[in-house]
Amino acid sequence: MEFAEAKAIIGRALAAGNLVVCIGSCSILYHGRAASKLSEGDRLLVIKHDGTFLIHQSTGMKAINYQGPGSSTSVVEENGELMVKSQRTKPLNEII
């Protein structure tokens, strides 16, 4: 699947308020109360209608990164990469 097609599918699902589940290889950037970066690896991404945003690794049951309800999610294609961003304003947090 091309990034443009994936962006469109995820964008439509978010706009419709659907549960979004993505599986693939990606890297993670987190900016907020702390900062972290995870190198590329297999991940499971879950985006819920209430804004909850969860990223799981290929092992274990706990999310490696998450945003609670009320977060806003956007999808952009930039520099040949597909980026799914979750932002929360209070407290200010961002996962890319």
PDB file of N, CA and C in Angstrom:
ATOM      1  N   MET A   1       0.843  -1.171   0.000  1.00  0.00           N
ATOM      2  CA  MET A   1       0.000   0.000   0.000  1.00  0.00           C
ATOM      3  C   MET A   1       0.895   1.242   0.000  1.00  0.00           C
ATOM      4  N   GLU A   2       0.578   2.201  -0.829  1.00  0.00           N
ATOM      5  CA  GLU A   2       1.313   3.464  -0.898  1.00  0.00           C
ATOM      6  C   GLU A   2       0.943   4.338   0.301  1.00  0.00           C
ATOM      7  N   PHE A   3       1.859   5.230   0.697  1.00  0.00           N
ATOM      8  CA  PHE A   3       1.599   6.113   1.832  1.00  0.00           C
ATOM      9  C   PHE A   3       0.379   6.997   1.599  1.00  0.00           C
ATOM     10  N   ALA A   4       0.196   7.501   0.373  1.00  0.00           N
ATOM     11  CA  ALA A   4      -0.953   8.363   0.081  1.00  0.00           C
ATOM     12  C   ALA A   4      -2.262   7.616   0.316  1.00  0.00           C
ATOM     13  N   GLU A   5      -2.297   6.357  -0.074  1.00  0.00           N
ATOM     14  CA  GLU A   5      -3.504   5.543   0.129  1.00  0.00           C
ATOM     15  C   GLU A   5      -3.723   5.275   1.613  1.00  0.00           C
ATOM     16  N   ALA A   6      -2.659   4.943   2.338  1.00  0.00           N
ATOM     17  CA  ALA A   6      -2.770   4.701   3.782  1.00  0.00           C
ATOM     18  C   ALA A   6      -3.228   5.966   4.500  1.00  0.00           C
ATOM     19  N   LYS A   7      -2.679   7.111   4.113  1.00  0.00           N
ATOM     20  CA  LYS A   7      -3.067   8.390   4.717  1.00  0.00           C
ATOM     21  C   LYS A   7      -4.554   8.639   4.521  1.00  0.00           C
ATOM     22  N   ALA A   8      -5.046   8.403   3.312  1.00  0.00           N
ATOM     23  CA  ALA A   8      -6.461   8.617   3.008  1.00  0.00           C
ATOM     24  C   ALA A   8      -7.352   7.677   3.815  1.00  0.00           C
ATOM     25  N   ILE A   9      -6.982   6.419   3.905  1.00  0.00           N
ATOM     26  CA  ILE A   9      -7.785   5.438   4.649  1.00  0.00           C
ATOM     27  C   ILE A   9      -7.832   5.792   6.129  1.00  0.00           C
ATOM     28  N   ILE A  10      -6.679   6.094   6.715  1.00  0.00           N
ATOM     29  CA  ILE A  10      -6.630   6.447   8.140  1.00  0.00           C
ATOM     30  C   ILE A  10      -7.396   7.748   8.381  1.00  0.00           C
ATOM     31  N   GLY A  11      -7.214   8.734   7.504  1.00  0.00           N
ATOM     32  CA  GLY A  11      -7.919  10.009   7.642  1.00  0.00           C
ATOM     33  C   GLY A  11      -9.430   9.844   7.603  1.00  0.00           C
ATOM     34  N   ARG A  12      -9.928   9.029   6.682  1.00  0.00           N
ATOM     35  CA  ARG A  12     -11.378   8.779   6.599  1.00  0.00           C
ATOM     36  C   ARG A  12     -11.882   8.077   7.857  1.00  0.00           C
ATOM     37  N   ALA A  13     -11.117   7.104   8.340  1.00  0.00           N
ATOM     38  CA  ALA A  13     -11.527   6.371   9.546  1.00  0.00           C
ATOM     39  C   ALA A  13     -11.577   7.304  10.753  1.00  0.00           C
ATOM     40  N   LEU A  14     -10.586   8.179  10.892  1.00  0.00           N
ATOM     41  CA  LEU A  14     -10.579   9.135  12.004  1.00  0.00           C
ATOM     42  C   LEU A  14     -11.759  10.095  11.900  1.00  0.00           C
ATOM     43  N   ALA A  15     -12.020  10.605  10.696  1.00  0.00           N
ATOM     44  CA  ALA A  15     -13.125  11.543  10.487  1.00  0.00           C
ATOM     45  C   ALA A  15     -14.475  10.902  10.802  1.00  0.00           C
ATOM     46  N   ALA A  16     -14.594   9.608  10.545  1.00  0.00           N
ATOM     47  CA  ALA A  16     -15.843   8.885  10.804  1.00  0.00           C
ATOM     48  C   ALA A  16     -15.969   8.451  12.262  1.00  0.00           C
ATOM     49  N   GLY A  17     -14.918   8.648  13.058  1.00  0.00           N
ATOM     50  CA  GLY A  17     -14.954   8.235  14.459  1.00  0.00           C
ATOM     51  C   GLY A  17     -14.773   6.748  14.657  1.00  0.00           C
ATOM     52  N   ASN A  18     -14.147   6.094  13.703  1.00  0.00           N
ATOM     53  CA  ASN A  18     -13.922   4.652  13.792  1.00  0.00           C
ATOM     54  C   ASN A  18     -12.704   4.326  14.651  1.00  0.00           C
ATOM     55  N   LEU A  19     -12.669   3.122  15.161  1.00  0.00           N
ATOM     56  CA  LEU A  19     -11.484   2.585  15.816  1.00  0.00           C
ATOM     57  C   LEU A  19     -10.461   2.304  14.723  1.00  0.00           C
ATOM     58  N   VAL A  20      -9.233   2.783  14.908  1.00  0.00           N
ATOM     59  CA  VAL A  20      -8.176   2.594  13.911  1.00  0.00           C
ATOM     60  C   VAL A  20      -7.106   1.688  14.502  1.00  0.00           C
ATOM     61  N   VAL A  21      -6.739   0.646  13.771  1.00  0.00           N
ATOM     62  CA  VAL A  21      -5.673  -0.271  14.178  1.00  0.00           C
ATOM     63  C   VAL A  21      -4.694  -0.382  13.016  1.00  0.00           C
ATOM     64  N   CYS A  22      -3.429  -0.060  13.276  1.00  0.00           N
ATOM     65  CA  CYS A  22      -2.383  -0.142  12.254  1.00  0.00           C
ATOM     66  C   CYS A  22      -1.256  -1.023  12.773  1.00  0.00           C
ATOM     67  N   ILE A  23      -0.700  -1.831  11.908  1.00  0.00           N
ATOM     68  CA  ILE A  23       0.426  -2.696  12.254  1.00  0.00           C
ATOM     69  C   ILE A  23       1.520  -2.447  11.232  1.00  0.00           C
ATOM     70  N   GLY A  24       2.738  -2.228  11.715  1.00  0.00           N
ATOM     71  CA  GLY A  24       3.837  -2.014  10.784  1.00  0.00           C
ATOM     72  C   GLY A  24       5.120  -1.669  11.496  1.00  0.00           C
ATOM     73  N   SER A  25       6.119  -1.362  10.710  1.00  0.00           N
ATOM     74  CA  SER A  25       7.419  -0.973  11.233  1.00  0.00           C
ATOM     75  C   SER A  25       7.493   0.548  11.253  1.00  0.00           C
ATOM     76  N   CYS A  26       7.864   1.116  12.408  1.00  0.00           N
ATOM     77  CA  CYS A  26       7.941   2.570  12.518  1.00  0.00           C
ATOM     78  C   CYS A  26       8.878   2.966  13.650  1.00  0.00           C
ATOM     79  N   SER A  27       9.232   4.241  13.667  1.00  0.00           N
ATOM     80  CA  SER A  27       9.975   4.810  14.789  1.00  0.00           C
ATOM     81  C   SER A  27       9.023   5.746  15.530  1.00  0.00           C
ATOM     82  N   ILE A  28       9.349   6.068  16.781  1.00  0.00           N
ATOM     83  CA  ILE A  28       8.468   6.858  17.633  1.00  0.00           C
ATOM     84  C   ILE A  28       9.238   8.034  18.221  1.00  0.00           C
ATOM     85  N   LEU A  29       8.639   9.228  18.175  1.00  0.00           N
ATOM     86  CA  LEU A  29       9.174  10.406  18.854  1.00  0.00           C
ATOM     87  C   LEU A  29       8.137  10.874  19.858  1.00  0.00           C
ATOM     88  N   TYR A  30       8.564  11.180  21.072  1.00  0.00           N
ATOM     89  CA  TYR A  30       7.658  11.692  22.099  1.00  0.00           C
ATOM     90  C   TYR A  30       8.237  12.973  22.669  1.00  0.00           C
ATOM     91  N   HIS A  31       7.400  14.014  22.741  1.00  0.00           N
ATOM     92  CA  HIS A  31       7.784  15.283  23.358  1.00  0.00           C
ATOM     93  C   HIS A  31       6.696  15.640  24.354  1.00  0.00           C
ATOM     94  N   GLY A  32       7.058  15.935  25.572  1.00  0.00           N
ATOM     95  CA  GLY A  32       6.082  16.299  26.593  1.00  0.00           C
ATOM     96  C   GLY A  32       6.792  16.543  27.897  1.00  0.00           C
ATOM     97  N   ARG A  33       6.287  15.935  28.973  1.00  0.00           N
ATOM     98  CA  ARG A  33       6.932  16.081  30.281  1.00  0.00           C
ATOM     99  C   ARG A  33       8.362  15.576  30.232  1.00  0.00           C
ATOM    100  N   ALA A  34       8.624  14.656  29.343  1.00  0.00           N
ATOM    101  CA  ALA A  34       9.973  14.129  29.079  1.00  0.00           C
ATOM    102  C   ALA A  34      10.099  14.062  27.559  1.00  0.00           C
ATOM    103  N   ALA A  35      11.154  13.483  27.072  1.00  0.00           N
ATOM    104  CA  ALA A  35      11.323  13.285  25.629  1.00  0.00           C
ATOM    105  C   ALA A  35      11.926  11.911  25.416  1.00  0.00           C
ATOM    106  N   SER A  36      11.492  11.238  24.363  1.00  0.00           N
ATOM    107  CA  SER A  36      12.057   9.924  24.064  1.00  0.00           C
ATOM    108  C   SER A  36      11.978   9.666  22.569  1.00  0.00           C
ATOM    109  N   LYS A  37      12.809   8.746  22.125  1.00  0.00           N
ATOM    110  CA  LYS A  37      12.826   8.329  20.726  1.00  0.00           C
ATOM    111  C   LYS A  37      13.046   6.826  20.706  1.00  0.00           C
ATOM    112  N   LEU A  38      12.210   6.129  19.967  1.00  0.00           N
ATOM    113  CA  LEU A  38      12.373   4.690  19.774  1.00  0.00           C
ATOM    114  C   LEU A  38      12.765   4.447  18.328  1.00  0.00           C
ATOM    115  N   SER A  39      13.807   3.665  18.130  1.00  0.00           N
ATOM    116  CA  SER A  39      14.244   3.355  16.772  1.00  0.00           C
ATOM    117  C   SER A  39      13.200   2.480  16.077  1.00  0.00           C
ATOM    118  N   GLU A  40      13.386   2.281  14.798  1.00  0.00           N
ATOM    119  CA  GLU A  40      12.422   1.528  14.004  1.00  0.00           C
ATOM    120  C   GLU A  40      12.232   0.122  14.552  1.00  0.00           C
ATOM    121  N   GLY A  41      10.980  -0.295  14.580  1.00  0.00           N
ATOM    122  CA  GLY A  41      10.640  -1.632  15.049  1.00  0.00           C
ATOM    123  C   GLY A  41       9.190  -1.934  14.739  1.00  0.00           C
ATOM    124  N   ASP A  42       8.795  -3.176  14.914  1.00  0.00           N
ATOM    125  CA  ASP A  42       7.416  -3.587  14.675  1.00  0.00           C
ATOM    126  C   ASP A  42       6.533  -3.035  15.785  1.00  0.00           C
ATOM    127  N   ARG A  43       5.429  -2.408  15.403  1.00  0.00           N
ATOM    128  CA  ARG A  43       4.537  -1.769  16.365  1.00  0.00           C
ATOM    129  C   ARG A  43       3.070  -2.023  15.993  1.00  0.00           C
ATOM    130  N   LEU A  44       2.237  -1.937  17.010  1.00  0.00           N
ATOM    131  CA  LEU A  44       0.788  -1.968  16.873  1.00  0.00           C
ATOM    132  C   LEU A  44       0.291  -0.611  17.355  1.00  0.00           C
ATOM    133  N   LEU A  45      -0.436   0.104  16.509  1.00  0.00           N
ATOM    134  CA  LEU A  45      -0.979   1.419  16.834  1.00  0.00           C
ATOM    135  C   LEU A  45      -2.492   1.302  16.923  1.00  0.00           C
ATOM    136  N   VAL A  46      -3.066   1.809  18.022  1.00  0.00           N
ATOM    137  CA  VAL A  46      -4.513   1.803  18.213  1.00  0.00           C
ATOM    138  C   VAL A  46      -4.949   3.240  18.493  1.00  0.00           C
ATOM    139  N   ILE A  47      -5.922   3.720  17.721  1.00  0.00           N
ATOM    140  CA  ILE A  47      -6.478   5.055  17.930  1.00  0.00           C
ATOM    141  C   ILE A  47      -7.977   4.881  18.170  1.00  0.00           C
ATOM    142  N   LYS A  48      -8.439   5.318  19.333  1.00  0.00           N
ATOM    143  CA  LYS A  48      -9.847   5.161  19.694  1.00  0.00           C
ATOM    144  C   LYS A  48     -10.621   6.452  19.439  1.00  0.00           C
ATOM    145  N   HIS A  49     -11.936   6.326  19.330  1.00  0.00           N
ATOM    146  CA  HIS A  49     -12.818   7.455  19.025  1.00  0.00           C
ATOM    147  C   HIS A  49     -12.677   8.589  20.039  1.00  0.00           C
ATOM    148  N   ASP A  50     -12.389   8.268  21.292  1.00  0.00           N
ATOM    149  CA  ASP A  50     -12.279   9.302  22.329  1.00  0.00           C
ATOM    150  C   ASP A  50     -10.921   9.998  22.337  1.00  0.00           C
ATOM    151  N   GLY A  51     -10.047   9.665  21.374  1.00  0.00           N
ATOM    152  CA  GLY A  51      -8.732  10.283  21.286  1.00  0.00           C
ATOM    153  C   GLY A  51      -7.615   9.470  21.901  1.00  0.00           C
ATOM    154  N   THR A  52      -7.950   8.407  22.610  1.00  0.00           N
ATOM    155  CA  THR A  52      -6.914   7.545  23.185  1.00  0.00           C
ATOM    156  C   THR A  52      -6.026   7.010  22.067  1.00  0.00           C
ATOM    157  N   PHE A  53      -4.717   7.043  22.297  1.00  0.00           N
ATOM    158  CA  PHE A  53      -3.717   6.692  21.284  1.00  0.00           C
ATOM    159  C   PHE A  53      -2.709   5.769  21.960  1.00  0.00           C
ATOM    160  N   LEU A  54      -2.586   4.544  21.484  1.00  0.00           N
ATOM    161  CA  LEU A  54      -1.728   3.533  22.109  1.00  0.00           C
ATOM    162  C   LEU A  54      -0.737   2.967  21.108  1.00  0.00           C
ATOM    163  N   ILE A  55       0.506   2.799  21.542  1.00  0.00           N
ATOM    164  CA  ILE A  55       1.520   2.153  20.713  1.00  0.00           C
ATOM    165  C   ILE A  55       2.093   0.987  21.500  1.00  0.00           C
ATOM    166  N   HIS A  56       1.986  -0.207  20.932  1.00  0.00           N
ATOM    167  CA  HIS A  56       2.511  -1.420  21.552  1.00  0.00           C
ATOM    168  C   HIS A  56       3.680  -1.956  20.738  1.00  0.00           C
ATOM    169  N   GLN A  57       4.623  -2.585  21.421  1.00  0.00           N
ATOM    170  CA  GLN A  57       5.715  -3.287  20.752  1.00  0.00           C
ATOM    171  C   GLN A  57       5.261  -4.712  20.458  1.00  0.00           C
ATOM    172  N   SER A  58       6.132  -5.487  19.849  1.00  0.00           N
ATOM    173  CA  SER A  58       5.758  -6.843  19.444  1.00  0.00           C
ATOM    174  C   SER A  58       5.740  -7.827  20.612  1.00  0.00           C
ATOM    175  N   THR A  59       6.159  -7.400  21.793  1.00  0.00           N
ATOM    176  CA  THR A  59       6.098  -8.258  22.982  1.00  0.00           C
ATOM    177  C   THR A  59       5.526  -7.460  24.152  1.00  0.00           C
ATOM    178  N   GLY A  60       5.052  -8.169  25.143  1.00  0.00           N
ATOM    179  CA  GLY A  60       4.531  -7.520  26.344  1.00  0.00           C
ATOM    180  C   GLY A  60       3.112  -7.013  26.163  1.00  0.00           C
ATOM    181  N   MET A  61       2.472  -6.680  27.298  1.00  0.00           N
ATOM    182  CA  MET A  61       1.079  -6.250  27.223  1.00  0.00           C
ATOM    183  C   MET A  61       0.887  -4.760  27.452  1.00  0.00           C
ATOM    184  N   LYS A  62       1.887  -4.058  27.948  1.00  0.00           N
ATOM    185  CA  LYS A  62       1.757  -2.626  28.210  1.00  0.00           C
ATOM    186  C   LYS A  62       2.123  -1.806  26.974  1.00  0.00           C
ATOM    187  N   ALA A  63       1.402  -0.708  26.798  1.00  0.00           N
ATOM    188  CA  ALA A  63       1.724   0.222  25.713  1.00  0.00           C
ATOM    189  C   ALA A  63       3.082   0.860  25.998  1.00  0.00           C
ATOM    190  N   ILE A  64       3.895   1.021  24.963  1.00  0.00           N
ATOM    191  CA  ILE A  64       5.211   1.638  25.113  1.00  0.00           C
ATOM    192  C   ILE A  64       5.078   3.166  25.135  1.00  0.00           C
ATOM    193  N   ASN A  65       4.092   3.703  24.438  1.00  0.00           N
ATOM    194  CA  ASN A  65       3.728   5.121  24.471  1.00  0.00           C
ATOM    195  C   ASN A  65       2.214   5.208  24.391  1.00  0.00           C
ATOM    196  N   TYR A  66       1.657   6.257  24.980  1.00  0.00           N
ATOM    197  CA  TYR A  66       0.209   6.430  24.904  1.00  0.00           C
ATOM    198  C   TYR A  66      -0.166   7.879  25.179  1.00  0.00           C
ATOM    199  N   GLN A  67      -1.343   8.245  24.717  1.00  0.00           N
ATOM    200  CA  GLN A  67      -1.998   9.504  25.052  1.00  0.00           C
ATOM    201  C   GLN A  67      -3.390   9.116  25.523  1.00  0.00           C
ATOM    202  N   GLY A  68      -3.878   9.781  26.539  1.00  0.00           N
ATOM    203  CA  GLY A  68      -5.200   9.485  27.064  1.00  0.00           C
ATOM    204  C   GLY A  68      -6.316  10.103  26.239  1.00  0.00           C
ATOM    205  N   PRO A  69      -7.550   9.887  26.671  1.00  0.00           N
ATOM    206  CA  PRO A  69      -8.704  10.461  25.978  1.00  0.00           C
ATOM    207  C   PRO A  69      -8.555  11.976  25.836  1.00  0.00           C
ATOM    208  N   GLY A  70      -9.093  12.511  24.748  1.00  0.00           N
ATOM    209  CA  GLY A  70      -9.031  13.949  24.510  1.00  0.00           C
ATOM    210  C   GLY A  70      -7.892  14.380  23.610  1.00  0.00           C
ATOM    211  N   SER A  71      -7.041  13.466  23.229  1.00  0.00           N
ATOM    212  CA  SER A  71      -5.945  13.787  22.310  1.00  0.00           C
ATOM    213  C   SER A  71      -6.506  13.944  20.900  1.00  0.00           C
ATOM    214  N   SER A  72      -5.830  14.737  20.082  1.00  0.00           N
ATOM    215  CA  SER A  72      -6.239  14.861  18.679  1.00  0.00           C
ATOM    216  C   SER A  72      -5.188  14.185  17.805  1.00  0.00           C
ATOM    217  N   THR A  73      -5.647  13.503  16.783  1.00  0.00           N
ATOM    218  CA  THR A  73      -4.760  12.728  15.913  1.00  0.00           C
ATOM    219  C   THR A  73      -4.837  13.265  14.493  1.00  0.00           C
ATOM    220  N   SER A  74      -3.686  13.359  13.845  1.00  0.00           N
ATOM    221  CA  SER A  74      -3.627  13.773  12.445  1.00  0.00           C
ATOM    222  C   SER A  74      -2.671  12.856  11.695  1.00  0.00           C
ATOM    223  N   VAL A  75      -2.836  12.812  10.387  1.00  0.00           N
ATOM    224  CA  VAL A  75      -1.991  11.976   9.535  1.00  0.00           C
ATOM    225  C   VAL A  75      -1.428  12.858   8.430  1.00  0.00           C
ATOM    226  N   VAL A  76      -0.106  12.836   8.262  1.00  0.00           N
ATOM    227  CA  VAL A  76       0.535  13.628   7.216  1.00  0.00           C
ATOM    228  C   VAL A  76       1.566  12.779   6.484  1.00  0.00           C
ATOM    229  N   GLU A  77       1.771  13.117   5.233  1.00  0.00           N
ATOM    230  CA  GLU A  77       2.839  12.494   4.452  1.00  0.00           C
ATOM    231  C   GLU A  77       3.872  13.585   4.220  1.00  0.00           C
ATOM    232  N   GLU A  78       5.097  13.349   4.676  1.00  0.00           N
ATOM    233  CA  GLU A  78       6.133  14.371   4.631  1.00  0.00           C
ATOM    234  C   GLU A  78       7.478  13.734   4.321  1.00  0.00           C
ATOM    235  N   ASN A  79       8.194  14.281   3.370  1.00  0.00           N
ATOM    236  CA  ASN A  79       9.525  13.778   3.019  1.00  0.00           C
ATOM    237  C   ASN A  79       9.537  12.276   2.751  1.00  0.00           C
ATOM    238  N   GLY A  80       8.501  11.777   2.088  1.00  0.00           N
ATOM    239  CA  GLY A  80       8.434  10.360   1.758  1.00  0.00           C
ATOM    240  C   GLY A  80       8.111   9.456   2.929  1.00  0.00           C
ATOM    241  N   GLU A  81       7.620  10.040   4.030  1.00  0.00           N
ATOM    242  CA  GLU A  81       7.260   9.250   5.213  1.00  0.00           C
ATOM    243  C   GLU A  81       5.815   9.532   5.598  1.00  0.00           C
ATOM    244  N   LEU A  82       5.154   8.524   6.128  1.00  0.00           N
ATOM    245  CA  LEU A  82       3.810   8.682   6.659  1.00  0.00           C
ATOM    246  C   LEU A  82       3.945   8.911   8.155  1.00  0.00           C
ATOM    247  N   MET A  83       3.366   9.997   8.657  1.00  0.00           N
ATOM    248  CA  MET A  83       3.445  10.302  10.085  1.00  0.00           C
ATOM    249  C   MET A  83       2.049  10.391  10.672  1.00  0.00           C
ATOM    250  N   VAL A  84       1.847   9.669  11.759  1.00  0.00           N
ATOM    251  CA  VAL A  84       0.608   9.742  12.519  1.00  0.00           C
ATOM    252  C   VAL A  84       0.970  10.480  13.802  1.00  0.00           C
ATOM    253  N   LYS A  85       0.317  11.627  14.042  1.00  0.00           N
ATOM    254  CA  LYS A  85       0.645  12.470  15.191  1.00  0.00           C
ATOM    255  C   LYS A  85      -0.523  12.512  16.159  1.00  0.00           C
ATOM    256  N   SER A  86      -0.223  12.340  17.428  1.00  0.00           N
ATOM    257  CA  SER A  86      -1.216  12.495  18.479  1.00  0.00           C
ATOM    258  C   SER A  86      -0.766  13.650  19.358  1.00  0.00           C
ATOM    259  N   GLN A  87      -1.646  14.638  19.551  1.00  0.00           N
ATOM    260  CA  GLN A  87      -1.300  15.804  20.354  1.00  0.00           C
ATOM    261  C   GLN A  87      -2.319  16.015  21.458  1.00  0.00           C
ATOM    262  N   ARG A  88      -1.800  16.457  22.570  1.00  0.00           N
ATOM    263  CA  ARG A  88      -2.626  16.787  23.725  1.00  0.00           C
ATOM    264  C   ARG A  88      -2.155  18.152  24.201  1.00  0.00           C
ATOM    265  N   THR A  89      -3.078  19.053  24.529  1.00  0.00           N
ATOM    266  CA  THR A  89      -2.672  20.404  24.902  1.00  0.00           C
ATOM    267  C   THR A  89      -2.450  20.589  26.397  1.00  0.00           C
ATOM    268  N   LYS A  90      -3.176  19.877  27.241  1.00  0.00           N
ATOM    269  CA  LYS A  90      -3.007  20.021  28.692  1.00  0.00           C
ATOM    270  C   LYS A  90      -2.899  18.657  29.330  1.00  0.00           C
ATOM    271  N   PRO A  91      -1.761  18.256  29.796  1.00  0.00           N
ATOM    272  CA  PRO A  91      -0.466  18.903  29.586  1.00  0.00           C
ATOM    273  C   PRO A  91      -0.012  18.701  28.141  1.00  0.00           C
ATOM    274  N   LEU A  92       0.874  19.581  27.677  1.00  0.00           N
ATOM    275  CA  LEU A  92       1.338  19.525  26.294  1.00  0.00           C
ATOM    276  C   LEU A  92       2.167  18.264  26.065  1.00  0.00           C
ATOM    277  N   ASN A  93       1.699  17.399  25.169  1.00  0.00           N
ATOM    278  CA  ASN A  93       2.372  16.150  24.800  1.00  0.00           C
ATOM    279  C   ASN A  93       2.174  15.922  23.316  1.00  0.00           C
ATOM    280  N   GLU A  94       3.147  15.304  22.688  1.00  0.00           N
ATOM    281  CA  GLU A  94       3.019  14.958  21.272  1.00  0.00           C
ATOM    282  C   GLU A  94       3.756  13.657  21.011  1.00  0.00           C
ATOM    283  N   ILE A  95       3.095  12.748  20.313  1.00  0.00           N
ATOM    284  CA  ILE A  95       3.724  11.509  19.851  1.00  0.00           C
ATOM    285  C   ILE A  95       3.667  11.530  18.336  1.00  0.00           C
ATOM    286  N   ILE A  96       4.792  11.275  17.696  1.00  0.00           N
ATOM    287  CA  ILE A  96       4.860  11.222  16.233  1.00  0.00           C
ATOM    288  C   ILE A  96       5.369   9.850  15.839  1.00  0.00           C
TER     289      ILE A  96
END
